[in-house]
Amino acid sequence: MAFDLRWYQSEAIAAIYEYFGRAQGNPLVCVSTGGGKSVIIADFVRQVVEAWPDQRILVLAHVKEILEQNFDKITAIWPLAPAGVYSAGLNRRDTDSAILFAGIQSVHKKAFDLGAFDLVIVDECHLINADKDDTMYTGFFRDLKMMNPNVKVIGFSATPYRMKSGLLTEGDNALFDEVVYETDIQRLIDENFLSPLVTKGGTEKIDMSGVRTRTGEFVTKDLEDAVHRNDVTEKAVDEILRYGRNRKAWLIFCVSVAHAEEVKALLEYEGITTECVHGGTPAIERERILKDYKAGKIQALTSQGVLTTGFDAPLTDLIALLRPTKSPGLYVQIMGRGLRISPETGKTDCLVLDYGGNVERHGPIDRINVESVRKKRKGEKCEAPMKECPECHTFVLAFTSACPDCGYVWPQKPQHETTASDAAVLADQVEAVWHDVEDVFYDRHEKKGKPPSLKVTYRCGFDSYCEWICFEHSGYAQNKAQVWWFKRAGFQAPCPRTVDDALDRVREQGIPFLVPSRIQVKPDGKFQRILNYDLTAVVGTPSEWNEDPTAKPSQMVIAPKEDEFADARAALGDEDDDDWNKTMDDLWSSSGQVVEDDTVPF
């Protein structure tokens, strides 16, 4: 049965095929919560089995809700799918199906009863702890490899990292070899595939002094003490009531079971239909509560330790974090509960009320990605979280002590707040700025251990902004390079395969190659990220010849002297590419001479 995939769902499937066309490991697909992982999994499985009928596929999940959702999706897309289910929670124990959907708790000791598989797909694969050799997943995979040493594993997750061990693709025992695809949360919001997240702020603060950290997370007992100081929970509930007056479905995450029950009681006292769900809630009772919440019969759910993954309730339009966390993965998963769209209920966005300082601690959720986590694990410089000036609402880096626009000075403040934070929960909420482009320079960029890339530098007044175009990389980075090229050069000629080829093509006179007259730039931590381009021709700028490339003059470049390049590079060494790029930008803007086109401007 044909099914219309969204563009990014098709790209994700194509990325899996592309990976297996060049490698033999285990790929990882990162799709944001609400992006339709179950659709991607279902259609990929359908394609594989229809093309290779002898393949046997196992789809694993850790909770029955996800298992049931994935099974329902493939039967909707492919009613005649040779699919079965093995799950004690669903009271089914199929063993011989060509496509088997199974709960890891039900099958982790029964690999030999199920038989060999060619392909295993793990949904919410961030729950796999590769550092331990005695978990359900690792033991089960060992048994599967005994039956088929060539079995492949594909992981799906919105958060492909663990708090302690970091990225699932790194470490001595990493199960996955490469992240082959990542969705862009903000683009999916812009195209109405996901719901916007918005924040509200307040004035009350909480004192979290004395809250300790153990094994990388805040100590629960200390958190319980903190949320009971100065009536903080009562004050937070008052604010939730005020902001949630016109909201239909609230999810409230608490520090402990007792705290979740307390918040439930406070809301019920105010006339809010509320239930509490936690790890100890009986399965039948939990199923009833979640069903009633999704049906709109319950306005608020308080929880502890659950509902962070595998819980699909699109009508959720308010999330309150009455708990802090040091885990970026948990933070993103919680926020993801509000990303699903729900046009049928009139949902236009999801309000986030953060009482645990999580937004300031971790930054916008669409900037917590594979590269940012990798940098943090390696101790490299990466994007700092943001905060908003209470006077002029300018967003600045979290460690800024005084607002550069209005001069407001931040007081020393505790880490945990009784009122919700108003920091940017999405990077798009930090304002982007358009800059006029006066010159453009193209250069070959080398980075140790990586294929070369085309470095493009835009000079805008006294500032310079850079981007790196990865023609010689693979997968998603190469796809982005191709899109970048075709927007400028059209489809008349093939995209360059190498950086040198791209430089040669840009040098050619008379070819159509568009240059931006303006670029839209946005703060991205310490650096700046180029978001959009205006390709309108403007006289007196490099874009002047966009409409008539035959009039383009022979190309020259203004560049710093060779010894200035050498001295700057030598001073920085070979490891810090980010600082090198910044130094290069400074040199471009401050000094130079006319040289021939070793580095190509236009």
Protein backbone atom coordinates (compact mmCIF):
# COMPACT_ATOMS: atom_id res chain seq x y z
CA MET A 1 0.00 0.00 0.00
CA ALA A 2 1.42 3.38 -1.01
CA PHE A 3 1.85 5.94 1.75
CA ASP A 4 2.73 9.61 1.44
CA LEU A 5 5.77 10.22 3.60
CA ARG A 6 6.79 13.68 4.73
CA TRP A 7 9.99 14.89 3.06
CA TYR A 8 12.16 14.30 6.12
CA GLN A 9 10.73 10.81 6.64
CA SER A 10 11.76 9.94 3.09
CA GLU A 11 15.19 11.45 3.73
CA ALA A 12 15.63 9.35 6.87
CA ILE A 13 14.89 6.13 4.98
CA ALA A 14 17.19 7.17 2.13
CA ALA A 15 19.95 7.85 4.69
CA ILE A 16 19.66 4.29 6.01
CA TYR A 17 20.02 2.84 2.51
CA GLU A 18 22.92 5.19 1.78
CA TYR A 19 24.69 4.01 4.92
CA PHE A 20 24.34 0.32 4.12
CA GLY A 21 25.56 1.06 0.61
CA ARG A 22 28.94 2.08 1.99
CA ALA A 23 29.25 0.49 5.47
CA GLN A 24 28.45 -2.67 7.39
CA GLY A 25 27.83 -1.33 10.89
CA ASN A 26 24.76 -0.27 12.85
CA PRO A 27 23.27 3.14 11.92
CA LEU A 28 21.35 5.50 14.19
CA VAL A 29 18.46 7.72 13.07
CA CYS A 30 17.60 10.78 15.15
CA VAL A 31 14.03 12.02 14.64
CA SER A 32 12.50 14.55 17.03
CA THR A 33 9.58 13.57 19.23
CA GLY A 34 6.39 14.05 17.26
CA GLY A 35 8.21 13.61 13.96
CA GLY A 36 6.64 10.23 13.22
CA LYS A 37 9.31 7.60 13.95
CA SER A 38 6.66 4.88 13.78
CA VAL A 39 5.80 5.92 10.20
CA ILE A 40 9.47 5.83 9.18
CA ILE A 41 9.97 2.42 10.77
CA ALA A 42 6.80 1.00 9.22
CA ASP A 43 7.50 2.15 5.68
CA PHE A 44 11.17 1.14 5.84
CA VAL A 45 10.20 -2.35 7.00
CA ARG A 46 7.62 -2.58 4.23
CA GLN A 47 10.17 -1.57 1.59
CA VAL A 48 12.75 -4.09 2.83
CA VAL A 49 10.38 -7.06 3.00
CA GLU A 50 8.80 -6.31 -0.38
CA ALA A 51 12.24 -6.01 -2.01
CA TRP A 52 13.85 -8.92 -0.11
CA PRO A 53 11.06 -11.32 1.01
CA ASP A 54 13.50 -13.68 2.73
CA GLN A 55 14.58 -11.03 5.26
CA ARG A 56 13.35 -11.41 8.85
CA ILE A 57 12.96 -8.23 10.90
CA LEU A 58 12.53 -7.64 14.63
CA VAL A 59 11.26 -4.29 15.96
CA LEU A 60 11.99 -3.81 19.68
CA ALA A 61 10.52 -1.34 22.17
CA HIS A 62 10.72 -0.98 25.94
CA VAL A 63 7.05 -0.22 26.71
CA LYS A 64 3.89 -1.71 25.32
CA GLU A 65 2.52 1.70 24.28
CA ILE A 66 5.36 2.18 21.77
CA LEU A 67 5.19 -1.46 20.70
CA GLU A 68 1.46 -1.21 20.05
CA GLN A 69 1.84 2.10 18.21
CA ASN A 70 4.53 0.71 15.91
CA PHE A 71 2.51 -2.43 15.15
CA ASP A 72 -0.67 -0.43 14.48
CA LYS A 73 1.22 1.85 12.12
CA ILE A 74 2.56 -0.91 9.88
CA THR A 75 -0.84 -2.62 9.71
CA ALA A 76 -2.38 0.72 8.71
CA ILE A 77 0.23 1.31 6.00
CA TRP A 78 0.39 -2.36 4.95
CA PRO A 79 -2.73 -4.31 6.00
CA LEU A 80 -1.34 -7.60 4.66
CA ALA A 81 2.02 -7.26 6.43
CA PRO A 82 3.32 -10.64 7.70
CA ALA A 83 3.64 -9.12 11.16
CA GLY A 84 3.21 -10.49 14.67
CA VAL A 85 3.60 -9.36 18.28
CA TYR A 86 5.42 -10.85 21.24
CA SER A 87 4.46 -8.98 24.41
CA ALA A 88 3.23 -10.16 27.78
CA GLY A 89 1.55 -6.79 28.32
CA LEU A 90 -0.48 -7.21 25.11
CA ASN A 91 -1.10 -10.91 25.81
CA ARG A 92 0.38 -12.03 22.47
CA ARG A 93 3.30 -14.38 21.92
CA ASP A 94 3.81 -14.80 18.17
CA THR A 95 7.17 -16.38 17.35
CA ASP A 96 7.29 -17.24 13.65
CA SER A 97 6.34 -13.94 11.97
CA ALA A 98 8.61 -12.50 9.29
CA ILE A 99 8.15 -9.11 10.97
CA LEU A 100 7.97 -9.33 14.76
CA PHE A 101 7.20 -6.47 17.12
CA ALA A 102 8.39 -7.32 20.61
CA GLY A 103 8.85 -5.86 24.07
CA ILE A 104 12.40 -6.26 25.32
CA GLN A 105 11.16 -7.26 28.79
CA SER A 106 9.21 -10.14 27.25
CA VAL A 107 11.87 -11.50 24.89
CA HIS A 108 15.27 -10.74 26.41
CA LYS A 109 15.67 -14.36 27.59
CA LYS A 110 13.90 -15.95 24.62
CA ALA A 111 16.13 -15.15 21.65
CA PHE A 112 16.56 -18.82 20.73
CA ASP A 113 12.80 -19.40 20.90
CA LEU A 114 12.25 -16.61 18.38
CA GLY A 115 14.96 -17.73 15.98
CA ALA A 116 17.40 -15.76 13.83
CA PHE A 117 16.80 -12.26 12.45
CA ASP A 118 18.54 -10.36 9.67
CA LEU A 119 17.65 -6.90 10.91
CA VAL A 120 16.75 -5.50 14.32
CA ILE A 121 15.19 -2.04 14.79
CA VAL A 122 15.25 -0.53 18.28
CA ASP A 123 12.86 2.33 19.02
CA GLU A 124 13.93 4.73 21.82
CA CYS A 125 17.39 3.17 21.58
CA HIS A 126 18.89 5.74 23.99
CA LEU A 127 17.69 3.37 26.74
CA ILE A 128 20.35 0.85 25.75
CA ASN A 129 23.26 1.00 28.20
CA ALA A 130 26.23 -0.30 26.24
CA ASP A 131 28.58 0.26 29.20
CA LYS A 132 27.04 -2.69 31.05
CA ASP A 133 27.21 -6.26 29.81
CA ASP A 134 24.34 -7.58 31.94
CA THR A 135 21.39 -5.59 30.62
CA MET A 136 18.37 -7.05 28.82
CA TYR A 137 19.42 -5.52 25.51
CA THR A 138 23.09 -6.55 25.59
CA GLY A 139 22.31 -10.13 26.61
CA PHE A 140 19.62 -10.42 23.96
CA PHE A 141 21.91 -9.07 21.22
CA ARG A 142 24.61 -11.56 22.21
CA ASP A 143 22.18 -14.41 21.69
CA LEU A 144 20.99 -13.01 18.36
CA LYS A 145 24.57 -12.80 17.08
CA MET A 146 25.15 -16.42 18.02
CA MET A 147 22.38 -17.37 15.58
CA ASN A 148 23.30 -14.80 12.92
CA PRO A 149 26.70 -13.07 13.26
CA ASN A 150 25.71 -10.68 10.43
CA VAL A 151 22.56 -9.34 12.06
CA LYS A 152 22.30 -5.54 11.72
CA VAL A 153 20.82 -3.16 14.29
CA ILE A 154 19.19 0.17 13.43
CA GLY A 155 18.49 2.59 16.26
CA PHE A 156 15.80 5.28 16.41
CA SER A 157 15.66 8.01 19.02
CA ALA A 158 14.97 11.70 19.51
CA THR A 159 17.98 11.86 21.85
CA PRO A 160 20.89 9.65 20.70
CA TYR A 161 22.94 10.09 23.87
CA ARG A 162 23.04 9.01 27.52
CA MET A 163 23.83 11.27 30.44
CA LYS A 164 26.82 9.25 31.69
CA SER A 165 28.26 7.63 28.58
CA GLY A 166 27.51 10.37 26.04
CA LEU A 167 26.74 9.65 22.39
CA LEU A 168 25.48 6.18 21.55
CA THR A 169 27.96 6.08 18.66
CA GLU A 170 31.04 6.62 20.84
CA GLY A 171 32.85 4.66 23.53
CA ASP A 172 34.50 1.25 23.70
CA ASN A 173 31.24 -0.71 23.66
CA ALA A 174 29.14 1.51 21.41
CA LEU A 175 26.41 -0.49 19.69
CA PHE A 176 25.85 2.10 16.95
CA ASP A 177 28.47 3.31 14.50
CA GLU A 178 27.11 6.52 13.01
CA VAL A 179 24.21 8.96 13.23
CA VAL A 180 23.01 8.89 9.63
CA TYR A 181 20.17 11.39 9.93
CA GLU A 182 18.98 14.19 12.24
CA THR A 183 15.83 16.28 11.91
CA ASP A 184 15.79 20.03 12.38
CA ILE A 185 13.18 20.76 15.07
CA GLN A 186 12.74 24.40 14.11
CA ARG A 187 12.18 23.62 10.43
CA LEU A 188 9.56 21.02 11.34
CA ILE A 189 7.84 23.64 13.51
CA ASP A 190 8.02 26.21 10.69
CA GLU A 191 6.40 23.72 8.31
CA ASN A 192 3.64 22.86 10.84
CA PHE A 193 4.78 19.29 11.44
CA LEU A 194 5.51 20.08 15.09
CA SER A 195 3.92 22.42 17.61
CA PRO A 196 5.78 25.57 18.72
CA LEU A 197 6.98 25.72 22.33
CA VAL A 198 6.61 29.02 24.20
CA THR A 199 7.73 30.08 27.67
CA LYS A 200 6.48 32.42 30.38
CA GLY A 201 8.51 33.93 33.18
CA GLY A 202 7.93 35.12 36.74
CA THR A 203 9.61 36.82 39.68
CA GLU A 204 9.71 34.28 42.54
CA LYS A 205 12.99 32.42 43.13
CA ILE A 206 13.88 29.23 44.99
CA ASP A 207 17.00 28.57 47.00
CA MET A 208 18.61 25.29 45.91
CA SER A 209 21.73 25.67 48.00
CA GLY A 210 22.72 22.34 49.48
CA VAL A 211 21.26 20.25 46.63
CA ARG A 212 23.94 17.68 45.84
CA THR A 213 24.76 15.76 42.69
CA ARG A 214 25.25 12.00 42.65
CA THR A 215 26.16 9.89 39.59
CA GLY A 216 25.57 12.87 37.35
CA GLU A 217 22.09 13.84 38.58
CA PHE A 218 20.59 15.88 41.41
CA VAL A 219 19.91 13.91 44.61
CA THR A 220 16.16 13.32 44.98
CA LYS A 221 16.08 13.77 48.76
CA ASP A 222 17.79 17.16 48.46
CA LEU A 223 15.35 18.18 45.74
CA GLU A 224 12.40 17.29 47.96
CA ASP A 225 13.81 19.57 50.66
CA ALA A 226 14.34 22.36 48.10
CA VAL A 227 10.81 22.34 46.69
CA HIS A 228 9.36 22.64 50.18
CA ARG A 229 11.33 25.71 51.23
CA ASN A 230 9.43 28.99 51.34
CA ASP A 231 6.19 27.44 50.06
CA VAL A 232 7.76 27.13 46.61
CA THR A 233 5.47 24.32 45.42
CA GLU A 234 2.35 26.27 46.39
CA LYS A 235 3.66 29.38 44.61
CA ALA A 236 4.47 27.38 41.48
CA VAL A 237 1.01 25.78 41.46
CA ASP A 238 -0.55 29.23 41.72
CA GLU A 239 1.36 30.28 38.62
CA ILE A 240 0.42 27.10 36.74
CA LEU A 241 -3.22 27.84 37.51
CA ARG A 242 -2.87 31.41 36.27
CA TYR A 243 -1.05 30.59 33.03
CA GLY A 244 -3.00 27.40 32.36
CA ARG A 245 -6.44 28.99 32.62
CA ASN A 246 -7.08 28.62 28.87
CA ARG A 247 -5.04 25.46 28.36
CA LYS A 248 -6.68 22.06 27.91
CA ALA A 249 -4.10 19.44 28.95
CA TRP A 250 -1.29 19.85 31.48
CA LEU A 251 1.70 17.58 32.14
CA ILE A 252 3.56 18.34 35.39
CA PHE A 253 6.89 16.64 36.14
CA CYS A 254 7.81 16.42 39.84
CA VAL A 255 10.88 15.48 41.90
CA SER A 256 9.40 12.44 43.71
CA VAL A 257 6.24 10.37 44.07
CA ALA A 258 5.30 12.22 47.25
CA HIS A 259 5.83 15.55 45.51
CA ALA A 260 3.66 14.47 42.55
CA GLU A 261 0.87 13.44 44.93
CA GLU A 262 1.20 16.77 46.76
CA VAL A 263 0.88 18.77 43.53
CA LYS A 264 -2.13 16.65 42.55
CA ALA A 265 -3.83 17.48 45.86
CA LEU A 266 -3.15 21.22 45.45
CA LEU A 267 -4.64 21.23 41.94
CA GLU A 268 -7.68 19.22 42.97
CA TYR A 269 -8.30 21.69 45.81
CA GLU A 270 -8.53 24.40 43.14
CA GLY A 271 -11.07 22.37 41.15
CA ILE A 272 -8.70 20.96 38.50
CA THR A 273 -9.41 17.37 37.45
CA THR A 274 -6.02 15.77 38.17
CA GLU A 275 -4.44 12.31 38.33
CA CYS A 276 -0.97 11.15 39.38
CA VAL A 277 1.11 8.57 37.51
CA HIS A 278 4.45 7.10 38.62
CA GLY A 279 6.43 3.87 38.44
CA GLY A 280 4.34 2.25 41.16
CA THR A 281 0.97 2.94 39.54
CA PRO A 282 -0.72 -0.42 38.74
CA ALA A 283 -0.76 -1.15 35.01
CA ILE A 284 -4.56 -1.27 34.70
CA GLU A 285 -4.97 1.97 36.65
CA ARG A 286 -2.25 3.66 34.61
CA GLU A 287 -3.87 2.59 31.33
CA ARG A 288 -7.22 4.05 32.46
CA ILE A 289 -5.65 7.34 33.55
CA LEU A 290 -3.72 7.86 30.33
CA LYS A 291 -6.75 6.95 28.21
CA ASP A 292 -8.88 9.50 30.09
CA TYR A 293 -6.18 12.18 29.75
CA LYS A 294 -5.91 11.66 26.00
CA ALA A 295 -9.71 11.83 25.76
CA GLY A 296 -9.75 15.19 27.56
CA LYS A 297 -11.50 13.85 30.68
CA ILE A 298 -8.50 14.76 32.88
CA GLN A 299 -7.02 18.24 32.67
CA ALA A 300 -3.74 17.66 34.56
CA LEU A 301 -1.36 14.76 35.05
CA THR A 302 1.37 14.91 37.69
CA SER A 303 4.16 12.38 37.34
CA GLN A 304 7.53 11.20 38.57
CA GLY A 305 9.87 9.02 36.55
CA VAL A 306 7.34 8.24 33.79
CA LEU A 307 5.73 9.83 30.71
CA THR A 308 9.10 11.06 29.44
CA THR A 309 9.23 8.58 26.54
CA GLY A 310 6.63 6.50 24.75
CA PHE A 311 3.74 8.72 25.80
CA ASP A 312 1.84 10.16 22.84
CA ALA A 313 -0.75 12.78 23.81
CA PRO A 314 -0.94 15.43 21.07
CA LEU A 315 -3.48 17.58 22.96
CA THR A 316 -0.86 18.46 25.64
CA ASP A 317 -0.57 22.25 25.55
CA LEU A 318 1.12 22.96 28.91
CA ILE A 319 4.24 21.37 30.39
CA ALA A 320 5.45 22.32 33.86
CA LEU A 321 8.86 21.17 35.05
CA LEU A 322 8.74 21.23 38.84
CA ARG A 323 12.05 19.38 38.81
CA PRO A 324 15.55 20.16 37.60
CA THR A 325 17.70 17.68 35.69
CA LYS A 326 21.29 17.59 34.58
CA SER A 327 20.44 15.19 31.74
CA PRO A 328 20.07 16.88 28.33
CA GLY A 329 18.37 13.75 27.03
CA LEU A 330 15.70 13.77 29.75
CA TYR A 331 15.19 17.51 29.26
CA VAL A 332 14.61 17.10 25.50
CA GLN A 333 12.35 14.07 25.99
CA ILE A 334 10.18 15.98 28.49
CA MET A 335 9.90 18.97 26.15
CA GLY A 336 9.04 16.60 23.34
CA ARG A 337 5.74 15.72 25.03
CA GLY A 338 4.49 19.12 23.87
CA LEU A 339 5.82 19.06 20.30
CA ARG A 340 3.02 17.02 18.77
CA ILE A 341 0.42 18.94 16.79
CA SER A 342 -3.30 18.61 17.50
CA PRO A 343 -5.38 20.68 15.03
CA GLU A 344 -8.54 18.85 16.05
CA THR A 345 -8.34 20.26 19.60
CA GLY A 346 -7.42 23.78 18.47
CA LYS A 347 -3.89 23.55 19.86
CA THR A 348 -1.67 26.33 18.50
CA ASP A 349 1.38 25.90 20.76
CA CYS A 350 2.57 24.35 24.01
CA LEU A 351 3.37 26.54 27.00
CA VAL A 352 6.49 25.49 28.94
CA LEU A 353 6.77 26.54 32.60
CA ASP A 354 10.25 25.64 33.80
CA TYR A 355 10.76 25.84 37.58
CA GLY A 356 14.03 23.89 37.62
CA GLY A 357 16.33 26.16 35.63
CA ASN A 358 16.49 23.54 32.88
CA VAL A 359 16.17 25.87 29.89
CA GLU A 360 19.01 28.06 31.18
CA ARG A 361 21.06 24.99 32.06
CA HIS A 362 20.76 23.16 28.75
CA GLY A 363 19.78 25.86 26.25
CA PRO A 364 17.27 25.66 23.37
CA ILE A 365 16.22 22.07 22.67
CA ASP A 366 16.98 22.37 18.96
CA ARG A 367 20.63 23.12 19.76
CA ILE A 368 21.13 19.97 21.84
CA ASN A 369 22.27 17.73 19.03
CA VAL A 370 24.89 15.14 18.23
CA GLU A 371 27.70 17.65 17.71
CA SER A 372 26.96 19.69 20.83
CA VAL A 373 26.93 16.57 23.00
CA ARG A 374 30.14 15.32 21.38
CA LYS A 375 31.89 18.60 22.16
CA LYS A 376 30.67 18.59 25.74
CA ARG A 377 31.93 15.03 26.28
CA LYS A 378 35.34 15.96 24.86
CA GLY A 379 35.59 19.16 26.85
CA GLU A 380 35.56 21.28 23.70
CA LYS A 381 33.94 24.66 23.39
CA CYS A 382 30.27 24.36 22.56
CA GLU A 383 27.16 26.48 22.65
CA ALA A 384 26.31 28.04 25.98
CA PRO A 385 22.68 28.23 27.17
CA MET A 386 20.82 31.51 26.73
CA LYS A 387 18.92 33.89 28.99
CA GLU A 388 16.61 36.83 28.38
CA CYS A 389 17.08 40.33 29.74
CA PRO A 390 14.03 41.15 31.93
CA GLU A 391 14.19 44.81 30.90
CA CYS A 392 14.58 44.83 27.10
CA HIS A 393 14.09 41.07 26.35
CA THR A 394 17.41 40.77 24.51
CA PHE A 395 18.75 37.19 24.51
CA VAL A 396 22.36 36.89 25.64
CA LEU A 397 24.73 34.11 26.70
CA ALA A 398 23.93 32.66 30.11
CA PHE A 399 27.15 33.82 31.74
CA THR A 400 26.65 37.48 30.71
CA SER A 401 26.50 39.69 33.81
CA ALA A 402 25.21 42.90 32.18
CA CYS A 403 22.91 43.36 29.18
CA PRO A 404 24.86 44.95 26.29
CA ASP A 405 21.72 46.76 25.04
CA CYS A 406 20.13 48.32 28.11
CA GLY A 407 22.80 47.87 30.81
CA TYR A 408 20.65 45.72 33.13
CA VAL A 409 22.85 43.87 35.65
CA TRP A 410 21.80 40.37 36.68
CA PRO A 411 21.84 39.68 40.43
CA GLN A 412 23.42 36.54 41.85
CA LYS A 413 20.58 34.05 41.78
CA PRO A 414 19.81 30.48 42.92
CA GLN A 415 19.61 27.66 40.39
CA HIS A 416 15.98 26.70 41.00
CA GLU A 417 13.00 29.01 40.54
CA THR A 418 9.45 29.01 41.90
CA THR A 419 8.22 30.78 38.79
CA ALA A 420 8.71 29.62 35.25
CA SER A 421 11.77 30.63 33.29
CA ASP A 422 11.37 32.85 30.25
CA ALA A 423 14.58 31.71 28.54
CA ALA A 424 14.45 30.57 24.93
CA VAL A 425 13.28 26.96 24.74
CA LEU A 426 13.82 27.03 20.97
CA ALA A 427 16.80 28.64 19.30
CA ASP A 428 14.43 30.37 16.87
CA GLN A 429 13.19 32.51 19.76
CA VAL A 430 16.59 34.26 19.72
CA GLU A 431 16.29 37.04 17.14
CA ALA A 432 18.12 36.68 13.80
CA VAL A 433 19.55 39.71 11.97
CA TRP A 434 20.02 40.45 8.25
CA HIS A 435 23.45 41.78 7.15
CA ASP A 436 24.39 43.31 3.80
CA VAL A 437 27.14 41.34 2.02
CA GLU A 438 30.05 43.41 0.71
CA ASP A 439 32.43 40.59 -0.30
CA VAL A 440 32.41 36.81 -0.51
CA PHE A 441 35.53 34.62 -0.31
CA TYR A 442 35.85 30.93 -1.09
CA ASP A 443 38.65 28.78 0.28
CA ARG A 444 39.60 25.15 0.82
CA HIS A 445 39.32 24.21 4.50
CA GLU A 446 41.24 21.30 5.97
CA LYS A 447 40.48 19.63 9.30
CA LYS A 448 42.57 16.79 10.67
CA GLY A 449 40.90 13.42 10.20
CA LYS A 450 38.03 14.85 8.10
CA PRO A 451 37.46 15.33 4.35
CA PRO A 452 38.12 18.90 3.16
CA SER A 453 35.28 21.39 2.88
CA LEU A 454 34.62 24.65 1.06
CA LYS A 455 34.87 27.55 3.50
CA VAL A 456 32.68 30.49 2.43
CA THR A 457 33.35 33.81 4.18
CA TYR A 458 30.88 36.70 3.90
CA ARG A 459 32.26 40.12 4.76
CA CYS A 460 29.54 42.40 6.10
CA GLY A 461 31.00 45.76 7.10
CA PHE A 462 33.55 45.17 9.83
CA ASP A 463 32.21 41.67 10.57
CA SER A 464 32.72 38.37 8.80
CA TYR A 465 30.54 35.25 8.90
CA CYS A 466 31.56 31.79 7.71
CA GLU A 467 29.97 28.54 6.61
CA TRP A 468 31.48 25.22 5.52
CA ILE A 469 30.11 23.33 2.49
CA CYS A 470 30.88 19.60 2.62
CA PHE A 471 30.99 18.27 -0.96
CA GLU A 472 33.39 15.44 -0.05
CA HIS A 473 31.56 14.27 3.07
CA SER A 474 28.79 11.67 2.95
CA GLY A 475 25.19 11.35 4.00
CA TYR A 476 23.28 14.36 5.26
CA ALA A 477 26.22 16.79 5.12
CA GLN A 478 26.75 16.01 1.43
CA ASN A 479 23.03 16.37 0.72
CA LYS A 480 23.05 19.83 2.29
CA ALA A 481 26.07 20.78 0.15
CA GLN A 482 24.23 19.72 -2.99
CA VAL A 483 21.20 21.82 -2.07
CA TRP A 484 23.50 24.80 -1.36
CA TRP A 485 25.15 24.42 -4.79
CA PHE A 486 22.00 23.96 -6.88
CA LYS A 487 20.38 27.04 -5.34
CA ARG A 488 23.31 29.09 -6.67
CA ALA A 489 24.30 27.33 -9.88
CA GLY A 490 21.03 25.73 -10.98
CA PHE A 491 20.61 22.21 -12.32
CA GLN A 492 22.25 22.72 -15.73
CA ALA A 493 25.54 21.20 -14.57
CA PRO A 494 26.23 18.46 -12.01
CA CYS A 495 27.17 19.34 -8.46
CA PRO A 496 30.95 19.37 -7.79
CA ARG A 497 32.28 16.20 -6.22
CA THR A 498 35.35 17.85 -4.70
CA VAL A 499 36.24 21.18 -3.12
CA ASP A 500 38.83 21.84 -5.83
CA ASP A 501 36.22 21.26 -8.51
CA ALA A 502 33.89 23.71 -6.77
CA LEU A 503 36.63 26.34 -6.60
CA ASP A 504 37.40 25.90 -10.30
CA ARG A 505 33.73 26.25 -11.19
CA VAL A 506 33.31 29.42 -9.12
CA ARG A 507 36.34 30.96 -10.88
CA GLU A 508 34.80 30.51 -14.34
CA GLN A 509 33.57 33.67 -15.99
CA GLY A 510 30.15 33.76 -17.60
CA ILE A 511 28.58 30.90 -15.66
CA PRO A 512 25.40 31.51 -13.65
CA PHE A 513 26.45 31.41 -10.00
CA LEU A 514 24.36 33.49 -7.61
CA VAL A 515 25.81 35.38 -4.66
CA PRO A 516 23.77 36.65 -1.69
CA SER A 517 23.25 40.38 -1.34
CA ARG A 518 22.20 39.76 2.27
CA ILE A 519 22.54 36.94 4.79
CA GLN A 520 20.45 36.30 7.89
CA VAL A 521 22.61 35.51 10.90
CA LYS A 522 21.71 34.31 14.36
CA PRO A 523 23.75 33.86 17.57
CA ASP A 524 24.69 30.21 17.97
CA GLY A 525 26.49 30.08 21.29
CA LYS A 526 29.92 31.67 20.95
CA PHE A 527 29.62 31.91 17.17
CA GLN A 528 27.08 32.93 14.51
CA ARG A 529 24.98 30.69 12.29
CA ILE A 530 23.83 31.66 8.79
CA LEU A 531 20.12 30.88 8.42
CA ASN A 532 18.97 32.39 5.11
CA TYR A 533 20.20 34.12 1.98
CA ASP A 534 18.77 36.95 -0.14
CA LEU A 535 19.89 36.37 -3.74
CA THR A 536 18.48 39.64 -5.07
CA ALA A 537 20.98 41.48 -7.30
CA VAL A 538 22.25 44.72 -5.72
CA VAL A 539 24.49 47.11 -7.66
CA GLY A 540 27.90 47.66 -6.12
CA THR A 541 28.00 44.27 -4.37
CA PRO A 542 29.16 40.80 -5.49
CA SER A 543 25.50 39.99 -6.20
CA GLU A 544 25.47 42.63 -8.94
CA TRP A 545 26.13 40.01 -11.62
CA ASN A 546 23.40 37.56 -10.51
CA GLU A 547 21.20 38.70 -13.40
CA ASP A 548 24.00 38.91 -15.99
CA PRO A 549 26.88 36.50 -15.23
CA THR A 550 28.58 37.29 -18.55
CA ALA A 551 29.45 40.77 -17.23
CA LYS A 552 31.28 39.35 -14.23
CA PRO A 553 34.87 40.70 -14.10
CA SER A 554 37.95 38.54 -13.67
CA GLN A 555 38.26 37.50 -10.09
CA MET A 556 40.56 38.97 -7.51
CA VAL A 557 40.72 38.55 -3.77
CA ILE A 558 41.70 40.76 -0.88
CA ALA A 559 43.58 38.60 1.58
CA PRO A 560 46.00 39.00 4.46
CA LYS A 561 49.67 38.57 3.73
CA GLU A 562 51.02 35.04 3.80
CA ASP A 563 53.17 35.64 6.89
CA GLU A 564 50.14 36.91 8.79
CA PHE A 565 48.29 33.67 7.99
CA ALA A 566 51.29 31.59 9.06
CA ASP A 567 51.86 33.49 12.31
CA ALA A 568 48.21 33.25 13.28
CA ARG A 569 47.98 29.54 12.52
CA ALA A 570 51.23 28.74 14.31
CA ALA A 571 50.10 30.61 17.41
CA LEU A 572 46.90 28.57 17.64
CA GLY A 573 48.27 25.13 16.80
CA ASP A 574 46.38 22.46 14.87
CA GLU A 575 43.59 21.55 17.26
CA ASP A 576 41.40 24.62 17.74
CA ASP A 577 39.68 25.16 14.39
CA ASP A 578 37.00 27.43 15.86
CA ASP A 579 39.53 29.92 17.21
CA TRP A 580 41.48 29.69 13.97
CA ASN A 581 38.37 30.57 11.97
CA LYS A 582 37.70 33.56 14.21
CA THR A 583 41.30 34.77 13.84
CA MET A 584 41.07 34.38 10.08
CA ASP A 585 37.89 36.46 10.07
CA ASP A 586 39.66 39.21 12.01
CA LEU A 587 42.55 39.18 9.55
CA TRP A 588 40.22 39.37 6.54
CA SER A 589 38.59 42.47 7.99
CA SER A 590 41.71 44.32 9.16
CA SER A 591 44.52 43.99 6.63
CA GLY A 592 45.48 42.65 3.25
CA GLN A 593 46.82 42.96 -0.24
CA VAL A 594 45.54 42.14 -3.71
CA VAL A 595 46.51 38.62 -4.81
CA GLU A 596 45.46 36.31 -7.62
CA ASP A 597 42.71 33.75 -7.23
CA ASP A 598 44.28 31.07 -5.00
CA THR A 599 41.31 31.87 -2.81
CA VAL A 600 38.31 32.86 -4.89
CA PRO A 601 36.10 35.84 -4.05
CA PHE A 602 32.87 36.77 -5.75
